[in-house]
C-alpha atoms as a PDB file:
ATOM      1  CA  GLU A   1      94.976  77.294 -83.234  1.00  0.00           C
ATOM      2  CA  GLU A   2      96.003  78.967 -79.996  1.00  0.00           C
ATOM      3  CA  LYS A   3      95.174  82.595 -79.521  1.00  0.00           C
ATOM      4  CA  PRO A   4      95.246  84.920 -82.552  1.00  0.00           C
ATOM      5  CA  LEU A   5      98.609  86.336 -83.468  1.00  0.00           C
ATOM      6  CA  THR A   6      99.340  89.486 -85.357  1.00  0.00           C
ATOM      7  CA  GLY A   7     101.202  89.390 -88.698  1.00  0.00           C
ATOM      8  CA  ILE A   8      99.025  86.931 -90.549  1.00  0.00           C
ATOM      9  CA  ASP A   9      97.254  88.637 -93.527  1.00  0.00           C
ATOM     10  CA  PRO A  10      94.823  86.211 -95.194  1.00  0.00           C
ATOM     11  CA  GLY A  11      95.300  88.132 -98.415  1.00  0.00           C
ATOM     12  CA  ASN A  12      99.086  88.155 -98.525  1.00  0.00           C
ATOM     13  CA  LYS A  13     100.271  85.749-101.041  1.00  0.00           C
ATOM     14  CA  ASP A  14     104.022  86.594-100.668  1.00  0.00           C
ATOM     15  CA  VAL A  15     105.217  84.224 -97.987  1.00  0.00           C
ATOM     16  CA  THR A  16     108.665  85.538 -97.448  1.00  0.00           C
ATOM     17  CA  SER A  17     110.020  83.052 -94.918  1.00  0.00           C
ATOM     18  CA  LEU A  18     110.214  80.109 -97.354  1.00  0.00           C
ATOM     19  CA  LEU A  19     113.408  77.956 -97.624  1.00  0.00           C
ATOM     20  CA  GLU A  20     116.131  79.521 -99.829  1.00  0.00           C
ATOM     21  CA  GLN A  21     118.202  76.811-101.608  1.00  0.00           C
ATOM     22  CA  ASP A  22     120.783  76.839-104.427  1.00  0.00           C
ATOM     23  CA  SER A  23     119.000  75.827-107.604  1.00  0.00           C
ATOM     24  CA  GLU A  24     121.689  73.624-108.871  1.00  0.00           C
ATOM     25  CA  GLN A  25     121.979  71.687-105.611  1.00  0.00           C
ATOM     26  CA  MET A  26     118.214  71.490-105.484  1.00  0.00           C
ATOM     27  CA  ARG A  27     118.159  69.823-108.968  1.00  0.00           C
ATOM     28  CA  LYS A  28     120.814  67.259-107.834  1.00  0.00           C
ATOM     29  CA  ASP A  29     118.830  66.443-104.733  1.00  0.00           C
ATOM     30  CA  LEU A  30     115.690  65.980-106.697  1.00  0.00           C
ATOM     31  CA  MET A  31     117.353  63.653-109.125  1.00  0.00           C
ATOM     32  CA  ALA A  32     118.806  61.571-106.279  1.00  0.00           C
ATOM     33  CA  LEU A  33     115.291  61.401-104.778  1.00  0.00           C
ATOM     34  CA  ALA A  34     113.790  60.375-107.963  1.00  0.00           C
ATOM     35  CA  LYS A  35     116.248  57.470-108.280  1.00  0.00           C
ATOM     36  CA  SER A  36     115.693  56.292-104.713  1.00  0.00           C
ATOM     37  CA  SER A  37     111.972  56.427-105.131  1.00  0.00           C
ATOM     38  CA  LEU A  38     112.199  54.030-108.036  1.00  0.00           C
ATOM     39  CA  GLU A  39     114.525  51.658-106.233  1.00  0.00           C
ATOM     40  CA  GLU A  40     112.388  51.425-102.981  1.00  0.00           C
ATOM     41  CA  THR A  41     108.832  50.146-102.917  1.00  0.00           C
ATOM     42  CA  PRO A  42     107.507  50.551 -99.355  1.00  0.00           C
ATOM     43  CA  VAL A  43     105.039  48.030 -98.159  1.00  0.00           C
ATOM     44  CA  ALA A  44     102.413  48.972 -95.562  1.00  0.00           C
ATOM     45  CA  SER A  45      99.916  46.774 -93.633  1.00  0.00           C
ATOM     46  CA  PRO A  46      96.387  47.531 -94.232  1.00  0.00           C
ATOM     47  CA  ASP A  47      96.022  49.398 -90.862  1.00  0.00           C
ATOM     48  CA  GLN A  48      99.099  51.345 -91.024  1.00  0.00           C
ATOM     49  CA  LEU A  49      99.181  55.047 -91.491  1.00  0.00           C
ATOM     50  CA  VAL A  50     102.182  55.884 -93.705  1.00  0.00           C
ATOM     51  CA  ILE A  51     103.161  59.454 -94.098  1.00  0.00           C
ATOM     52  CA  GLY A  52     106.093  60.493 -96.359  1.00  0.00           C
ATOM     53  CA  LEU A  53     107.939  63.087 -94.280  1.00  0.00           C
ATOM     54  CA  GLY A  54     111.427  64.386 -94.177  1.00  0.00           C
ATOM     55  CA  GLU A  55     113.598  64.957 -91.109  1.00  0.00           C
ATOM     56  CA  GLN A  56     112.850  67.683 -88.696  1.00  0.00           C
ATOM     57  CA  LYS A  57     115.980  69.588 -87.582  1.00  0.00           C
ATOM     58  CA  ASP A  58     114.639  72.966 -86.864  1.00  0.00           C
ATOM     59  CA  ASN A  59     112.666  72.316 -83.720  1.00  0.00           C
ATOM     60  CA  LEU A  60     113.195  69.640 -81.221  1.00  0.00           C
ATOM     61  CA  ILE A  61     110.377  67.414 -82.521  1.00  0.00           C
ATOM     62  CA  ASP A  62     110.553  63.643 -82.351  1.00  0.00           C
ATOM     63  CA  GLU A  63     109.250  62.624 -85.654  1.00  0.00           C
ATOM     64  CA  GLU A  64     108.814  58.984 -84.780  1.00  0.00           C
ATOM     65  CA  THR A  65     106.766  59.791 -81.706  1.00  0.00           C
ATOM     66  CA  LEU A  66     104.601  62.186 -83.715  1.00  0.00           C
ATOM     67  CA  LEU A  67     103.912  59.659 -86.391  1.00  0.00           C
ATOM     68  CA  LYS A  68     103.122  57.004 -83.705  1.00  0.00           C
ATOM     69  CA  ASN A  69     100.653  59.458 -82.197  1.00  0.00           C
ATOM     70  CA  TYR A  70      99.054  60.163 -85.532  1.00  0.00           C
ATOM     71  CA  LYS A  71      98.570  56.482 -86.162  1.00  0.00           C
ATOM     72  CA  GLU A  72      97.112  55.884 -82.695  1.00  0.00           C
ATOM     73  CA  THR A  73      94.805  58.929 -83.018  1.00  0.00           C
ATOM     74  CA  LEU A  74      93.520  57.828 -86.416  1.00  0.00           C
ATOM     75  CA  ALA A  75      92.982  54.376 -85.143  1.00  0.00           C
ATOM     76  CA  LYS A  76      90.504  55.804 -82.612  1.00  0.00           C
ATOM     77  CA  LEU A  77      88.241  57.438 -85.238  1.00  0.00           C
ATOM     78  CA  SER A  78      84.812  55.989 -85.155  1.00  0.00           C
ATOM     79  CA  GLY A  79      84.056  56.010 -88.901  1.00  0.00           C
ATOM     80  CA  PRO A  80      84.145  52.513 -90.615  1.00  0.00           C
ATOM     81  CA  GLY A  81      87.160  51.962 -92.900  1.00  0.00           C
ATOM     82  CA  GLU A  82      89.115  54.930 -91.689  1.00  0.00           C
ATOM     83  CA  VAL A  83      92.091  52.801 -91.039  1.00  0.00           C
ATOM     84  CA  ASP A  84      91.443  49.398 -92.610  1.00  0.00           C
ATOM     85  CA  GLY A  85      90.152  50.990 -95.838  1.00  0.00           C
ATOM     86  CA  GLY A  86      93.103  53.337 -96.014  1.00  0.00           C
ATOM     87  CA  ARG A  87      91.713  56.911 -95.822  1.00  0.00           C
ATOM     88  CA  PHE A  88      94.954  58.414 -97.230  1.00  0.00           C
ATOM     89  CA  SER A  89      97.365  57.685-100.114  1.00  0.00           C
ATOM     90  CA  ASP A  90     101.085  57.137 -99.268  1.00  0.00           C
ATOM     91  CA  LEU A  91     103.262  59.475-101.042  1.00  0.00           C
ATOM     92  CA  ASP A  92     106.202  57.110-101.306  1.00  0.00           C
ATOM     93  CA  GLN A  93     103.881  54.451-102.914  1.00  0.00           C
ATOM     94  CA  LEU A  94     102.548  56.832-105.452  1.00  0.00           C
ATOM     95  CA  LEU A  95     106.008  57.794-106.318  1.00  0.00           C
ATOM     96  CA  SER A  96     106.968  54.225-106.862  1.00  0.00           C
ATOM     97  CA  ASN A  97     104.183  53.671-109.453  1.00  0.00           C
ATOM     98  CA  VAL A  98     105.185  53.529-113.087  1.00  0.00           C
ATOM     99  CA  GLY A  99     103.529  56.014-115.265  1.00  0.00           C
ATOM    100  CA  PRO A 100     101.142  58.872-114.387  1.00  0.00           C
ATOM    101  CA  ILE A 101      98.134  58.781-112.098  1.00  0.00           C
ATOM    102  CA  LEU A 102      94.976  58.044-114.211  1.00  0.00           C
ATOM    103  CA  ASP A 103      92.413  57.454-111.702  1.00  0.00           C
ATOM    104  CA  GLN A 104      91.078  59.349-108.687  1.00  0.00           C
ATOM    105  CA  THR A 105      93.293  58.564-105.643  1.00  0.00           C
ATOM    106  CA  LYS A 106      92.783  59.138-101.922  1.00  0.00           C
ATOM    107  CA  PRO A 107      94.347  62.467-100.681  1.00  0.00           C
ATOM    108  CA  ILE A 108      97.877  62.651 -99.336  1.00  0.00           C
ATOM    109  CA  LEU A 109      98.216  63.590 -95.660  1.00  0.00           C
ATOM    110  CA  MET A 110     100.833  65.863 -94.571  1.00  0.00           C
ATOM    111  CA  PRO A 111     100.501  66.777 -90.734  1.00  0.00           C
ATOM    112  CA  THR A 112     101.424  70.411 -90.217  1.00  0.00           C
ATOM    113  CA  ASP A 113     103.118  69.747 -87.047  1.00  0.00           C
ATOM    114  CA  LEU A 114     105.983  68.490 -89.048  1.00  0.00           C
ATOM    115  CA  LEU A 115     105.693  71.269 -91.647  1.00  0.00           C
ATOM    116  CA  PHE A 116     105.180  74.302 -89.455  1.00  0.00           C
ATOM    117  CA  GLY A 117     105.661  75.688 -85.901  1.00  0.00           C
ATOM    118  CA  TYR A 118     102.483  75.746 -83.884  1.00  0.00           C
ATOM    119  CA  ASN A 119     100.447  78.803 -85.074  1.00  0.00           C
ATOM    120  CA  GLU A 120     103.137  79.590 -87.702  1.00  0.00           C
ATOM    121  CA  VAL A 121     103.064  79.854 -91.564  1.00  0.00           C
ATOM    122  CA  SER A 122     106.736  79.679 -92.228  1.00  0.00           C
ATOM    123  CA  LEU A 123     107.867  76.271 -93.318  1.00  0.00           C
ATOM    124  CA  TYR A 124     110.421  74.256 -91.322  1.00  0.00           C
ATOM    125  CA  LYS A 125     113.581  73.586 -93.267  1.00  0.00           C
ATOM    126  CA  GLY A 126     113.097  70.023 -92.269  1.00  0.00           C
ATOM    127  CA  ALA A 127     109.958  69.916 -94.461  1.00  0.00           C
ATOM    128  CA  ARG A 128     112.136  70.179 -97.569  1.00  0.00           C
ATOM    129  CA  LYS A 129     112.372  66.466 -98.287  1.00  0.00           C
ATOM    130  CA  SER A 130     108.628  65.826 -97.998  1.00  0.00           C
ATOM    131  CA  LEU A 131     108.030  68.822-100.383  1.00  0.00           C
ATOM    132  CA  MET A 132     110.538  67.626-102.830  1.00  0.00           C
ATOM    133  CA  LYS A 133     108.781  64.211-102.936  1.00  0.00           C
ATOM    134  CA  LEU A 134     105.555  66.037-103.593  1.00  0.00           C
ATOM    135  CA  GLY A 135     107.154  68.146-106.283  1.00  0.00           C
ATOM    136  CA  LEU A 136     108.559  65.020-107.963  1.00  0.00           C
ATOM    137  CA  LEU A 137     105.046  63.395-107.968  1.00  0.00           C
ATOM    138  CA  ILE A 138     103.666  66.611-109.645  1.00  0.00           C
ATOM    139  CA  GLN A 139     106.352  66.582-112.192  1.00  0.00           C
ATOM    140  CA  LYS A 140     105.500  62.952-112.969  1.00  0.00           C
ATOM    141  CA  ASN A 141     101.852  64.000-113.443  1.00  0.00           C
ATOM    142  CA  PRO A 142     102.017  67.270-115.496  1.00  0.00           C
ATOM    143  CA  ASP A 143      98.449  67.001-116.719  1.00  0.00           C
ATOM    144  CA  SER A 144      96.831  66.479-113.295  1.00  0.00           C
ATOM    145  CA  THR A 145      95.737  69.226-110.872  1.00  0.00           C
ATOM    146  CA  PHE A 146      96.939  69.312-107.341  1.00  0.00           C
ATOM    147  CA  ILE A 147      94.713  70.832-104.758  1.00  0.00           C
ATOM    148  CA  ILE A 148      96.521  71.911-101.528  1.00  0.00           C
ATOM    149  CA  GLU A 149      94.079  72.021 -98.716  1.00  0.00           C
ATOM    150  CA  GLY A 150      94.832  73.694 -95.387  1.00  0.00           C
ATOM    151  CA  HIS A 151      93.096  72.486 -92.165  1.00  0.00           C
ATOM    152  CA  THR A 152      93.573  73.423 -88.459  1.00  0.00           C
ATOM    153  CA  ASP A 153      92.268  72.460 -85.154  1.00  0.00           C
ATOM    154  CA  SER A 154      89.484  74.294 -83.329  1.00  0.00           C
ATOM    155  CA  THR A 155      91.628  76.295 -80.917  1.00  0.00           C
ATOM    156  CA  GLY A 156      91.036  79.996 -81.380  1.00  0.00           C
ATOM    157  CA  PRO A 157      88.635  82.029 -83.504  1.00  0.00           C
ATOM    158  CA  GLU A 158      87.098  80.442 -86.481  1.00  0.00           C
ATOM    159  CA  GLU A 159      88.055  83.279 -88.833  1.00  0.00           C
ATOM    160  CA  TYR A 160      91.683  83.234 -87.686  1.00  0.00           C
ATOM    161  CA  ASN A 161      91.904  79.521 -88.299  1.00  0.00           C
ATOM    162  CA  LEU A 162      90.575  79.808 -91.693  1.00  0.00           C
ATOM    163  CA  ALA A 163      93.226  82.512 -92.569  1.00  0.00           C
ATOM    164  CA  LEU A 164      95.905  80.361 -90.997  1.00  0.00           C
ATOM    165  CA  SER A 165      94.846  77.307 -93.073  1.00  0.00           C
ATOM    166  CA  ARG A 166      94.984  79.375 -96.225  1.00  0.00           C
ATOM    167  CA  GLN A 167      98.468  80.829 -95.464  1.00  0.00           C
ATOM    168  CA  ARG A 168      99.829  77.389 -94.717  1.00  0.00           C
ATOM    169  CA  ALA A 169      98.502  76.017 -98.040  1.00  0.00           C
ATOM    170  CA  LEU A 170      99.953  79.129 -99.832  1.00  0.00           C
ATOM    171  CA  SER A 171     103.270  78.533 -98.213  1.00  0.00           C
ATOM    172  CA  VAL A 172     103.336  74.970 -99.655  1.00  0.00           C
ATOM    173  CA  LYS A 173     102.306  76.133-103.093  1.00  0.00           C
ATOM    174  CA  GLU A 174     104.798  78.983-103.187  1.00  0.00           C
ATOM    175  CA  TRP A 175     107.603  76.699-102.107  1.00  0.00           C
ATOM    176  CA  LEU A 176     106.934  74.299-104.926  1.00  0.00           C
ATOM    177  CA  VAL A 177     106.696  77.081-107.524  1.00  0.00           C
ATOM    178  CA  LYS A 178     109.701  78.970-106.195  1.00  0.00           C
ATOM    179  CA  ASN A 179     112.133  76.123-105.548  1.00  0.00           C
ATOM    180  CA  LEU A 180     111.159  73.386-107.936  1.00  0.00           C
ATOM    181  CA  SER A 181     109.652  75.603-110.740  1.00  0.00           C
ATOM    182  CA  ILE A 182     106.295  73.748-110.499  1.00  0.00           C
ATOM    183  CA  PRO A 183     103.717  75.616-112.849  1.00  0.00           C
ATOM    184  CA  ALA A 184     101.407  77.571-110.605  1.00  0.00           C
ATOM    185  CA  GLN A 185      98.471  76.826-112.850  1.00  0.00           C
ATOM    186  CA  VAL A 186      98.580  73.019-111.788  1.00  0.00           C
ATOM    187  CA  LEU A 187      98.253  73.974-108.119  1.00  0.00           C
ATOM    188  CA  GLN A 188      95.148  75.102-106.431  1.00  0.00           C
ATOM    189  CA  VAL A 189      94.763  76.320-102.850  1.00  0.00           C
ATOM    190  CA  LYS A 190      91.686  75.643-100.600  1.00  0.00           C
ATOM    191  CA  ALA A 191      91.236  76.748 -96.995  1.00  0.00           C
ATOM    192  CA  PHE A 192      88.904  74.847 -94.589  1.00  0.00           C
ATOM    193  CA  GLY A 193      90.172  76.127 -91.262  1.00  0.00           C
ATOM    194  CA  GLU A 194      88.601  74.000 -88.573  1.00  0.00           C
ATOM    195  CA  THR A 195      85.549  72.911 -90.507  1.00  0.00           C
ATOM    196  CA  LYS A 196      86.680  69.326 -91.492  1.00  0.00           C
ATOM    197  CA  PRO A 197      88.226  67.719 -88.398  1.00  0.00           C
ATOM    198  CA  LEU A 198      89.549  64.111 -88.546  1.00  0.00           C
ATOM    199  CA  THR A 199      89.129  63.710 -84.730  1.00  0.00           C
ATOM    200  CA  SER A 200      86.997  65.394 -82.188  1.00  0.00           C
ATOM    201  CA  PRO A 201      87.286  69.264 -82.201  1.00  0.00           C
ATOM    202  CA  LYS A 202      86.662  69.216 -78.528  1.00  0.00           C
ATOM    203  CA  GLY A 203      89.985  67.628 -77.748  1.00  0.00           C
ATOM    204  CA  THR A 204      93.210  69.021 -76.318  1.00  0.00           C
ATOM    205  CA  LYS A 205      95.906  70.350 -78.701  1.00  0.00           C
ATOM    206  CA  GLU A 206      97.581  67.025 -78.596  1.00  0.00           C
ATOM    207  CA  GLU A 207      94.326  65.025 -79.166  1.00  0.00           C
ATOM    208  CA  GLN A 208      93.599  67.316 -82.256  1.00  0.00           C
ATOM    209  CA  SER A 209      97.002  66.834 -83.946  1.00  0.00           C
ATOM    210  CA  LEU A 210      95.393  65.107 -86.935  1.00  0.00           C
ATOM    211  CA  ASN A 211      93.229  68.071 -87.384  1.00  0.00           C
ATOM    212  CA  ARG A 212      96.208  70.305 -88.067  1.00  0.00           C
ATOM    213  CA  ARG A 213      97.196  69.107 -91.555  1.00  0.00           C
ATOM    214  CA  VAL A 214      97.709  69.770 -95.253  1.00  0.00           C
ATOM    215  CA  GLU A 215      95.923  67.383 -97.570  1.00  0.00           C
ATOM    216  CA  ILE A 216      96.933  67.009-101.222  1.00  0.00           C
ATOM    217  CA  VAL A 217      94.101  66.072-103.462  1.00  0.00           C
ATOM    218  CA  ILE A 218      95.019  64.856-106.905  1.00  0.00           C
ATOM    219  CA  LEU A 219      92.738  65.409-109.858  1.00  0.00           C
ATOM    220  CA  PRO A 220      93.780  63.345-112.911  1.00  0.00           C
ATOM    221  CA  PRO A 221      93.239  64.792-116.419  1.00  0.00           C
ATOM    222  CA  SER A 222      89.629  64.188-117.630  1.00  0.00           C
ATOM    223  CA  ASN A 223      89.429  61.949-120.771  1.00  0.00           C
END
């Protein structure tokens, strides 16, 4: 994305700019979130792109506008069933299910425009709620493996985008391990850079917004 910046080391697994939070308050917030997820069962129309994301307070980002743009962009994809078939799982709906996930599900989409600054690897503070929801889902499925996939748009050198996508996926993993005590062994990181676009890689920065994303792939325990 954009032109290459210095300071991103593809091999650096210590992402120092993650959100610091008091552990006791974090536990209280997580318990409240767990309670609310059981009380609310979101209902989505078949063609609605639903993304479980927290409020963004760090940068002046209009979340509703971004989500609207994501839905409109996804609706323009030419592949059959991209929208009507439901390409992605909804995080809130997965949380509302009773019991662990036993079957293969569709990946969870987390647009990086709402997690990171453009060309950045440090998580927004506003991403905290989304990551807590993800952490709660992981805790409800301790025998599953969660693969955190990083993706970018096509702007900039391919090697740089691959490194950027890896660092962003690592940021998500390390936040979950550090702040929610998620066991590192249930989290895997994969980096794809610009190689798996959802929309045309020849578009503008805005048109490629869906290509900048983190996907969470859930692998249920094998019987």
